[in-house]
Amino acid sequence: MKIGFIGAGNMATAIIGGLLGAGMAASDICVFDTDSEKLRDFQSKGLLVASDGADVTSKSDVIVLAVKPQNYSEALSAVKCSADMSKTFVSIAAGITIDFVRRGLGLDCPVVRVMPNTPLLVGKGATALCFSENVTEKIQSAVMNMFSCSGVVEVFPEENMDAIIAVHGSSPAYFYLFAKAMADYAQSAGIDRERAMNLICATMEGSAEMLRSSGDDADTLIKKVSSKGGTTIEALKKFYENDIENIISEAMTACTKRAGELAAES
């Protein structure tokens, strides 16, 4: 199976790195980007370099559209001449629906809508995806393997795909903001920022593992850290007084709303 990439930015590079790391032959990967330096780098690694998006499409079974949402209409128009029902297109842009891809191609071909996140760059990604009704089991398995090379994968119905962006697609930024605020406080208290950030990162990793494998839900884990009359409960009081759970909900709602707007603007 040949996999092609139209666009070779950070996300495409991370996915390609995962495929190569999992043992896929470089010669089975085709790529096009307007940046000739990037293409030379891929070519030096043994990947096929295409002359344009249509060339990628003609040479590939699965085509990953790794361009910005605002460039999707242009990208789809450019590959339309090489598209047919034997090709499966993979959309990795926020807000771009299966129907949008099909309308852009003028073809009810198989489409996979995917929402990855940037931790794929370090092999710790989270990817949500959904399949159109005519994606074969073979292609489903291939696409899931493409992303599981670099993290965890979950399958959802398409009606969940805008909202799921707020859950894992945009949420790395939420955690970075929280970590930055903690490091800012540490520095203001006279603690070395770099060493504090090392502790913060380890705490985030450990907390994630507790959520994943302890068998306790989030509320139970909060209680286990919060001794009555202790330090943690005082910090939590401030969060609750400022209605942090509602703030997070409002932020995620805004994220989901914007996802719906992106397709309309493309």
C-alpha atoms as a PDB file:
ATOM      1  CA  MET A   1       0.000   0.000   0.000  1.00  0.00           C
ATOM      2  CA  LYS A   2       1.294   3.422  -0.985  1.00  0.00           C
ATOM      3  CA  ILE A   3       0.639   6.373   1.310  1.00  0.00           C
ATOM      4  CA  GLY A   4       0.923   9.924   0.022  1.00  0.00           C
ATOM      5  CA  PHE A   5       1.165  13.266   1.793  1.00  0.00           C
ATOM      6  CA  ILE A   6       0.131  16.594   0.337  1.00  0.00           C
ATOM      7  CA  GLY A   7       1.874  19.043   2.644  1.00  0.00           C
ATOM      8  CA  ALA A   8       4.954  18.278   4.701  1.00  0.00           C
ATOM      9  CA  GLY A   9       4.615  20.407   7.827  1.00  0.00           C
ATOM     10  CA  ASN A  10       5.195  19.316  11.405  1.00  0.00           C
ATOM     11  CA  MET A  11       2.186  16.999  11.567  1.00  0.00           C
ATOM     12  CA  ALA A  12       2.939  15.228   8.298  1.00  0.00           C
ATOM     13  CA  THR A  13       6.585  14.914   9.297  1.00  0.00           C
ATOM     14  CA  ALA A  14       5.567  13.361  12.634  1.00  0.00           C
ATOM     15  CA  ILE A  15       3.246  10.852  10.931  1.00  0.00           C
ATOM     16  CA  ILE A  16       5.899   9.945   8.357  1.00  0.00           C
ATOM     17  CA  GLY A  17       8.460   9.494  11.140  1.00  0.00           C
ATOM     18  CA  GLY A  18       6.088   7.133  12.934  1.00  0.00           C
ATOM     19  CA  LEU A  19       5.530   5.089   9.777  1.00  0.00           C
ATOM     20  CA  LEU A  20       9.252   4.775   9.112  1.00  0.00           C
ATOM     21  CA  GLY A  21       9.891   3.908  12.746  1.00  0.00           C
ATOM     22  CA  ALA A  22       7.277   1.154  12.516  1.00  0.00           C
ATOM     23  CA  GLY A  23       9.114  -0.380   9.571  1.00  0.00           C
ATOM     24  CA  MET A  24       7.266   0.957   6.537  1.00  0.00           C
ATOM     25  CA  ALA A  25       9.505   1.149   3.475  1.00  0.00           C
ATOM     26  CA  ALA A  26      10.421   4.723   2.577  1.00  0.00           C
ATOM     27  CA  SER A  27       9.723   3.921  -1.071  1.00  0.00           C
ATOM     28  CA  ASP A  28       6.058   3.293  -0.173  1.00  0.00           C
ATOM     29  CA  ILE A  29       5.643   6.901   0.993  1.00  0.00           C
ATOM     30  CA  CYS A  30       5.124   9.729  -1.471  1.00  0.00           C
ATOM     31  CA  VAL A  31       5.208  13.403  -0.521  1.00  0.00           C
ATOM     32  CA  PHE A  32       4.708  16.839  -2.039  1.00  0.00           C
ATOM     33  CA  ASP A  33       5.264  20.253  -0.503  1.00  0.00           C
ATOM     34  CA  THR A  34       5.905  23.702  -1.942  1.00  0.00           C
ATOM     35  CA  ASP A  35       9.092  23.845   0.165  1.00  0.00           C
ATOM     36  CA  SER A  36      11.773  22.297  -2.063  1.00  0.00           C
ATOM     37  CA  GLU A  37      14.238  22.018   0.825  1.00  0.00           C
ATOM     38  CA  LYS A  38      11.826  19.772   2.722  1.00  0.00           C
ATOM     39  CA  LEU A  39      11.367  17.632  -0.370  1.00  0.00           C
ATOM     40  CA  ARG A  40      15.127  17.217  -0.794  1.00  0.00           C
ATOM     41  CA  ASP A  41      15.352  16.069   2.811  1.00  0.00           C
ATOM     42  CA  PHE A  42      12.618  13.476   2.310  1.00  0.00           C
ATOM     43  CA  GLN A  43      14.180  12.338  -0.951  1.00  0.00           C
ATOM     44  CA  SER A  44      17.515  11.796   0.809  1.00  0.00           C
ATOM     45  CA  LYS A  45      15.703   9.415   3.160  1.00  0.00           C
ATOM     46  CA  GLY A  46      14.384   7.354   0.258  1.00  0.00           C
ATOM     47  CA  LEU A  47      10.837   8.729   0.046  1.00  0.00           C
ATOM     48  CA  LEU A  48       9.203   9.320  -3.322  1.00  0.00           C
ATOM     49  CA  VAL A  49       8.928  13.017  -4.118  1.00  0.00           C
ATOM     50  CA  ALA A  50       6.000  14.124  -6.272  1.00  0.00           C
ATOM     51  CA  SER A  51       5.786  17.100  -8.599  1.00  0.00           C
ATOM     52  CA  ASP A  52       2.423  18.256  -7.216  1.00  0.00           C
ATOM     53  CA  GLY A  53      -0.677  17.104  -5.335  1.00  0.00           C
ATOM     54  CA  ALA A  54      -2.163  15.408  -8.390  1.00  0.00           C
ATOM     55  CA  ASP A  55       1.056  13.410  -8.813  1.00  0.00           C
ATOM     56  CA  VAL A  56       0.850  12.285  -5.155  1.00  0.00           C
ATOM     57  CA  THR A  57      -2.738  11.186  -5.714  1.00  0.00           C
ATOM     58  CA  SER A  58      -1.969   9.187  -8.846  1.00  0.00           C
ATOM     59  CA  LYS A  59       0.895   7.356  -7.106  1.00  0.00           C
ATOM     60  CA  SER A  60      -0.864   6.617  -3.768  1.00  0.00           C
ATOM     61  CA  ASP A  61      -3.661   4.452  -2.393  1.00  0.00           C
ATOM     62  CA  VAL A  62      -4.183   6.629   0.699  1.00  0.00           C
ATOM     63  CA  ILE A  63      -3.686  10.385   0.428  1.00  0.00           C
ATOM     64  CA  VAL A  64      -3.201  12.474   3.565  1.00  0.00           C
ATOM     65  CA  LEU A  65      -4.278  16.076   3.081  1.00  0.00           C
ATOM     66  CA  ALA A  66      -1.837  17.786   5.449  1.00  0.00           C
ATOM     67  CA  VAL A  67      -2.630  21.403   4.592  1.00  0.00           C
ATOM     68  CA  LYS A  68      -4.248  24.201   6.592  1.00  0.00           C
ATOM     69  CA  PRO A  69      -8.078  24.325   6.646  1.00  0.00           C
ATOM     70  CA  GLN A  70      -8.136  27.538   4.617  1.00  0.00           C
ATOM     71  CA  ASN A  71      -6.145  25.804   1.846  1.00  0.00           C
ATOM     72  CA  TYR A  72      -8.356  22.720   1.554  1.00  0.00           C
ATOM     73  CA  SER A  73     -10.536  23.927  -1.321  1.00  0.00           C
ATOM     74  CA  GLU A  74      -7.455  24.736  -3.385  1.00  0.00           C
ATOM     75  CA  ALA A  75      -5.774  21.427  -2.527  1.00  0.00           C
ATOM     76  CA  LEU A  76      -8.869  19.383  -3.394  1.00  0.00           C
ATOM     77  CA  SER A  77      -9.323  21.223  -6.681  1.00  0.00           C
ATOM     78  CA  ALA A  78      -5.694  20.504  -7.582  1.00  0.00           C
ATOM     79  CA  VAL A  79      -5.994  16.723  -7.066  1.00  0.00           C
ATOM     80  CA  LYS A  80      -9.490  16.293  -8.505  1.00  0.00           C
ATOM     81  CA  CYS A  81      -8.132  15.179 -11.876  1.00  0.00           C
ATOM     82  CA  SER A  82      -6.284  12.226 -10.291  1.00  0.00           C
ATOM     83  CA  ALA A  83      -8.962  11.161  -7.796  1.00  0.00           C
ATOM     84  CA  ASP A  84     -11.154   8.105  -8.278  1.00  0.00           C
ATOM     85  CA  MET A  85     -13.065   5.612  -6.138  1.00  0.00           C
ATOM     86  CA  SER A  86      -9.944   3.524  -5.543  1.00  0.00           C
ATOM     87  CA  LYS A  87      -8.324   6.374  -3.601  1.00  0.00           C
ATOM     88  CA  THR A  88      -8.917   7.049   0.099  1.00  0.00           C
ATOM     89  CA  PHE A  89      -8.440  10.617   1.296  1.00  0.00           C
ATOM     90  CA  VAL A  90      -7.460  11.429   4.878  1.00  0.00           C
ATOM     91  CA  SER A  91      -8.343  14.875   6.243  1.00  0.00           C
ATOM     92  CA  ILE A  92      -6.300  15.959   9.279  1.00  0.00           C
ATOM     93  CA  ALA A  93      -7.519  19.571   9.484  1.00  0.00           C
ATOM     94  CA  ALA A  94      -9.856  20.901  12.158  1.00  0.00           C
ATOM     95  CA  GLY A  95     -13.432  21.365  11.002  1.00  0.00           C
ATOM     96  CA  ILE A  96     -13.019  19.738   7.570  1.00  0.00           C
ATOM     97  CA  THR A  97     -15.827  17.204   7.169  1.00  0.00           C
ATOM     98  CA  ILE A  98     -16.119  14.076   5.050  1.00  0.00           C
ATOM     99  CA  ASP A  99     -18.769  15.808   2.945  1.00  0.00           C
ATOM    100  CA  PHE A 100     -16.516  18.832   2.416  1.00  0.00           C
ATOM    101  CA  VAL A 101     -13.757  16.604   1.004  1.00  0.00           C
ATOM    102  CA  ARG A 102     -16.168  14.744  -1.257  1.00  0.00           C
ATOM    103  CA  ARG A 103     -17.737  17.926  -2.581  1.00  0.00           C
ATOM    104  CA  GLY A 104     -14.285  19.342  -3.277  1.00  0.00           C
ATOM    105  CA  LEU A 105     -13.378  16.245  -5.270  1.00  0.00           C
ATOM    106  CA  GLY A 106     -16.770  15.844  -6.897  1.00  0.00           C
ATOM    107  CA  LEU A 107     -16.616  12.200  -5.893  1.00  0.00           C
ATOM    108  CA  ASP A 108     -18.125   9.990  -3.145  1.00  0.00           C
ATOM    109  CA  CYS A 109     -14.778   8.328  -2.573  1.00  0.00           C
ATOM    110  CA  PRO A 110     -13.687   6.817   0.762  1.00  0.00           C
ATOM    111  CA  VAL A 111     -12.698   9.517   3.265  1.00  0.00           C
ATOM    112  CA  VAL A 112     -11.241   9.363   6.764  1.00  0.00           C
ATOM    113  CA  ARG A 113     -11.627  12.399   8.990  1.00  0.00           C
ATOM    114  CA  VAL A 114      -8.814  12.580  11.530  1.00  0.00           C
ATOM    115  CA  MET A 115      -7.967  14.892  14.427  1.00  0.00           C
ATOM    116  CA  PRO A 116      -4.427  14.282  15.672  1.00  0.00           C
ATOM    117  CA  ASN A 117      -2.513  16.452  18.132  1.00  0.00           C
ATOM    118  CA  THR A 118       1.002  17.876  18.230  1.00  0.00           C
ATOM    119  CA  PRO A 119       2.455  15.416  20.802  1.00  0.00           C
ATOM    120  CA  LEU A 120       2.650  13.036  17.821  1.00  0.00           C
ATOM    121  CA  LEU A 121       5.938  14.849  17.245  1.00  0.00           C
ATOM    122  CA  VAL A 122       7.394  13.045  20.278  1.00  0.00           C
ATOM    123  CA  GLY A 123       5.542   9.756  19.830  1.00  0.00           C
ATOM    124  CA  LYS A 124       2.982  10.563  22.540  1.00  0.00           C
ATOM    125  CA  GLY A 125       0.081  11.693  20.409  1.00  0.00           C
ATOM    126  CA  ALA A 126      -3.660  11.241  20.698  1.00  0.00           C
ATOM    127  CA  THR A 127      -5.730  10.816  17.543  1.00  0.00           C
ATOM    128  CA  ALA A 128      -9.491  10.711  17.015  1.00  0.00           C
ATOM    129  CA  LEU A 129     -10.871   9.543  13.688  1.00  0.00           C
ATOM    130  CA  CYS A 130     -14.003   8.513  11.830  1.00  0.00           C
ATOM    131  CA  PHE A 131     -14.567   6.670   8.566  1.00  0.00           C
ATOM    132  CA  SER A 132     -16.975   7.231   5.705  1.00  0.00           C
ATOM    133  CA  GLU A 133     -19.279   4.291   5.049  1.00  0.00           C
ATOM    134  CA  ASN A 134     -17.205   2.956   2.136  1.00  0.00           C
ATOM    135  CA  VAL A 135     -13.753   2.743   3.746  1.00  0.00           C
ATOM    136  CA  THR A 136     -12.667  -0.904   3.596  1.00  0.00           C
ATOM    137  CA  GLU A 137     -11.492  -2.817   6.657  1.00  0.00           C
ATOM    138  CA  LYS A 138      -8.021  -3.006   5.112  1.00  0.00           C
ATOM    139  CA  ILE A 139      -7.814   0.772   4.770  1.00  0.00           C
ATOM    140  CA  GLN A 140      -9.324   1.310   8.239  1.00  0.00           C
ATOM    141  CA  SER A 141      -6.591  -0.861   9.718  1.00  0.00           C
ATOM    142  CA  ALA A 142      -3.875   0.894   7.711  1.00  0.00           C
ATOM    143  CA  VAL A 143      -5.007   4.375   8.772  1.00  0.00           C
ATOM    144  CA  MET A 144      -5.346   3.380  12.427  1.00  0.00           C
ATOM    145  CA  ASN A 145      -1.850   1.877  12.313  1.00  0.00           C
ATOM    146  CA  MET A 146      -0.548   5.073  10.710  1.00  0.00           C
ATOM    147  CA  PHE A 147      -1.490   7.063  13.795  1.00  0.00           C
ATOM    148  CA  SER A 148      -1.031   4.408  16.485  1.00  0.00           C
ATOM    149  CA  CYS A 149       2.670   4.400  15.533  1.00  0.00           C
ATOM    150  CA  SER A 150       2.891   7.706  17.402  1.00  0.00           C
ATOM    151  CA  GLY A 151       0.321   7.414  20.208  1.00  0.00           C
ATOM    152  CA  VAL A 152      -3.213   6.328  21.061  1.00  0.00           C
ATOM    153  CA  VAL A 153      -6.143   6.189  18.629  1.00  0.00           C
ATOM    154  CA  GLU A 154      -9.888   6.287  19.242  1.00  0.00           C
ATOM    155  CA  VAL A 155     -12.718   5.954  16.673  1.00  0.00           C
ATOM    156  CA  PHE A 156     -15.847   8.141  16.897  1.00  0.00           C
ATOM    157  CA  PRO A 157     -18.936   8.893  14.810  1.00  0.00           C
ATOM    158  CA  GLU A 158     -18.497  12.049  12.758  1.00  0.00           C
ATOM    159  CA  GLU A 159     -20.990  14.041  14.817  1.00  0.00           C
ATOM    160  CA  ASN A 160     -18.427  13.957  17.665  1.00  0.00           C
ATOM    161  CA  MET A 161     -15.495  15.190  15.606  1.00  0.00           C
ATOM    162  CA  ASP A 162     -15.874  18.962  16.121  1.00  0.00           C
ATOM    163  CA  ALA A 163     -16.305  18.594  19.879  1.00  0.00           C
ATOM    164  CA  ILE A 164     -13.441  16.121  20.219  1.00  0.00           C
ATOM    165  CA  ILE A 165     -11.021  18.820  19.015  1.00  0.00           C
ATOM    166  CA  ALA A 166     -11.517  20.599  22.335  1.00  0.00           C
ATOM    167  CA  VAL A 167     -10.822  17.353  24.208  1.00  0.00           C
ATOM    168  CA  HIS A 168      -7.447  16.453  22.729  1.00  0.00           C
ATOM    169  CA  GLY A 169      -6.660  18.440  19.580  1.00  0.00           C
ATOM    170  CA  SER A 170      -6.414  21.879  21.186  1.00  0.00           C
ATOM    171  CA  SER A 171      -5.988  20.743  24.784  1.00  0.00           C
ATOM    172  CA  PRO A 172      -2.170  20.464  24.792  1.00  0.00           C
ATOM    173  CA  ALA A 173      -2.247  24.277  24.863  1.00  0.00           C
ATOM    174  CA  TYR A 174      -4.434  24.186  27.982  1.00  0.00           C
ATOM    175  CA  PHE A 175      -1.883  22.029  29.798  1.00  0.00           C
ATOM    176  CA  TYR A 176       1.006  24.197  28.601  1.00  0.00           C
ATOM    177  CA  LEU A 177      -0.757  27.273  29.984  1.00  0.00           C
ATOM    178  CA  PHE A 178      -1.323  25.568  33.327  1.00  0.00           C
ATOM    179  CA  ALA A 179       2.329  24.458  33.451  1.00  0.00           C
ATOM    180  CA  LYS A 180       3.515  27.969  32.554  1.00  0.00           C
ATOM    181  CA  ALA A 181       1.426  29.505  35.342  1.00  0.00           C
ATOM    182  CA  MET A 182       2.862  27.020  37.839  1.00  0.00           C
ATOM    183  CA  ALA A 183       6.420  27.720  36.679  1.00  0.00           C
ATOM    184  CA  ASP A 184       5.776  31.481  36.876  1.00  0.00           C
ATOM    185  CA  TYR A 185       4.681  31.067  40.484  1.00  0.00           C
ATOM    186  CA  ALA A 186       7.715  28.913  41.312  1.00  0.00           C
ATOM    187  CA  GLN A 187      10.041  31.530  39.859  1.00  0.00           C
ATOM    188  CA  SER A 188       8.323  34.306  41.815  1.00  0.00           C
ATOM    189  CA  ALA A 189       8.878  32.256  44.975  1.00  0.00           C
ATOM    190  CA  GLY A 190      12.627  32.103  44.286  1.00  0.00           C
ATOM    191  CA  ILE A 191      12.670  28.582  42.833  1.00  0.00           C
ATOM    192  CA  ASP A 192      14.813  27.842  39.787  1.00  0.00           C
ATOM    193  CA  ARG A 193      12.389  27.843  36.835  1.00  0.00           C
ATOM    194  CA  GLU A 194      14.001  25.018  34.859  1.00  0.00           C
ATOM    195  CA  ARG A 195      14.140  22.676  37.839  1.00  0.00           C
ATOM    196  CA  ALA A 196      10.564  23.556  38.783  1.00  0.00           C
ATOM    197  CA  MET A 197       9.404  22.804  35.230  1.00  0.00           C
ATOM    198  CA  ASN A 198      11.116  19.422  35.445  1.00  0.00           C
ATOM    199  CA  LEU A 199       9.019  18.616  38.519  1.00  0.00           C
ATOM    200  CA  ILE A 200       5.855  19.987  36.883  1.00  0.00           C
ATOM    201  CA  CYS A 201       6.329  17.846  33.761  1.00  0.00           C
ATOM    202  CA  ALA A 202       6.984  14.730  35.814  1.00  0.00           C
ATOM    203  CA  THR A 203       3.886  15.464  37.897  1.00  0.00           C
ATOM    204  CA  MET A 204       1.750  15.855  34.767  1.00  0.00           C
ATOM    205  CA  GLU A 205       3.076  12.574  33.365  1.00  0.00           C
ATOM    206  CA  GLY A 206       2.521  10.777  36.660  1.00  0.00           C
ATOM    207  CA  SER A 207      -0.967  12.195  37.085  1.00  0.00           C
ATOM    208  CA  ALA A 208      -1.882  11.036  33.576  1.00  0.00           C
ATOM    209  CA  GLU A 209      -0.678   7.547  34.400  1.00  0.00           C
ATOM    210  CA  MET A 210      -2.706   7.545  37.633  1.00  0.00           C
ATOM    211  CA  LEU A 211      -5.833   8.470  35.644  1.00  0.00           C
ATOM    212  CA  ARG A 212      -5.073   5.739  33.127  1.00  0.00           C
ATOM    213  CA  SER A 213      -4.081   2.837  35.341  1.00  0.00           C
ATOM    214  CA  SER A 214      -4.994   3.361  39.022  1.00  0.00           C
ATOM    215  CA  GLY A 215      -8.593   2.257  38.615  1.00  0.00           C
ATOM    216  CA  ASP A 216      -9.814   5.450  40.288  1.00  0.00           C
ATOM    217  CA  ASP A 217     -11.823   8.182  38.560  1.00  0.00           C
ATOM    218  CA  ALA A 218     -10.741  11.833  38.639  1.00  0.00           C
ATOM    219  CA  ASP A 219     -12.932  12.765  41.624  1.00  0.00           C
ATOM    220  CA  THR A 220     -11.509   9.916  43.711  1.00  0.00           C
ATOM    221  CA  LEU A 221      -7.939  10.835  42.817  1.00  0.00           C
ATOM    222  CA  ILE A 222      -8.587  14.476  43.790  1.00  0.00           C
ATOM    223  CA  LYS A 223      -9.849  13.334  47.190  1.00  0.00           C
ATOM    224  CA  LYS A 224      -6.799  11.123  47.702  1.00  0.00           C
ATOM    225  CA  VAL A 225      -4.492  14.128  47.285  1.00  0.00           C
ATOM    226  CA  SER A 226      -6.658  16.476  49.364  1.00  0.00           C
ATOM    227  CA  SER A 227      -6.171  15.797  53.074  1.00  0.00           C
ATOM    228  CA  LYS A 228      -8.704  17.566  55.290  1.00  0.00           C
ATOM    229  CA  GLY A 229      -7.197  20.797  56.571  1.00  0.00           C
ATOM    230  CA  GLY A 230      -4.124  20.330  54.372  1.00  0.00           C
ATOM    231  CA  THR A 231      -2.401  22.355  51.662  1.00  0.00           C
ATOM    232  CA  THR A 232      -4.065  20.892  48.568  1.00  0.00           C
ATOM    233  CA  ILE A 233      -7.587  21.657  49.759  1.00  0.00           C
ATOM    234  CA  GLU A 234      -6.645  25.322  50.132  1.00  0.00           C
ATOM    235  CA  ALA A 235      -5.477  25.452  46.515  1.00  0.00           C
ATOM    236  CA  LEU A 236      -8.619  23.661  45.317  1.00  0.00           C
ATOM    237  CA  LYS A 237     -10.829  26.125  47.181  1.00  0.00           C
ATOM    238  CA  LYS A 238      -9.420  28.923  45.022  1.00  0.00           C
ATOM    239  CA  PHE A 239     -10.116  26.951  41.850  1.00  0.00           C
ATOM    240  CA  TYR A 240     -13.694  26.239  42.925  1.00  0.00           C
ATOM    241  CA  GLU A 241     -14.280  29.839  44.088  1.00  0.00           C
ATOM    242  CA  ASN A 242     -13.286  30.998  40.592  1.00  0.00           C
ATOM    243  CA  ASP A 243     -15.505  28.340  38.967  1.00  0.00           C
ATOM    244  CA  ILE A 244     -12.641  26.750  37.055  1.00  0.00           C
ATOM    245  CA  GLU A 245     -14.765  23.848  35.805  1.00  0.00           C
ATOM    246  CA  ASN A 246     -17.193  26.258  34.143  1.00  0.00           C
ATOM    247  CA  ILE A 247     -14.314  28.284  32.687  1.00  0.00           C
ATOM    248  CA  ILE A 248     -12.918  25.105  31.125  1.00  0.00           C
ATOM    249  CA  SER A 249     -16.345  24.157  29.776  1.00  0.00           C
ATOM    250  CA  GLU A 250     -16.815  27.608  28.227  1.00  0.00           C
ATOM    251  CA  ALA A 251     -13.354  27.452  26.654  1.00  0.00           C
ATOM    252  CA  MET A 252     -14.039  24.036  25.151  1.00  0.00           C
ATOM    253  CA  THR A 253     -17.415  25.200  23.841  1.00  0.00           C
ATOM    254  CA  ALA A 254     -15.687  28.135  22.099  1.00  0.00           C
ATOM    255  CA  CYS A 255     -13.157  25.721  20.605  1.00  0.00           C
ATOM    256  CA  THR A 256     -15.920  23.486  19.227  1.00  0.00           C
ATOM    257  CA  LYS A 257     -17.807  26.477  17.795  1.00  0.00           C
ATOM    258  CA  ARG A 258     -14.691  27.629  15.975  1.00  0.00           C
ATOM    259  CA  ALA A 259     -14.186  24.156  14.485  1.00  0.00           C
ATOM    260  CA  GLY A 260     -17.607  24.419  12.869  1.00  0.00           C
ATOM    261  CA  GLU A 261     -16.763  27.862  11.475  1.00  0.00           C
ATOM    262  CA  LEU A 262     -13.512  26.731   9.852  1.00  0.00           C
ATOM    263  CA  ALA A 263     -15.196  24.500   7.278  1.00  0.00           C
ATOM    264  CA  ALA A 264     -17.575  27.322   6.345  1.00  0.00           C
ATOM    265  CA  GLU A 265     -14.612  29.634   5.765  1.00  0.00           C
ATOM    266  CA  SER A 266     -12.588  27.128   3.718  1.00  0.00           C
END
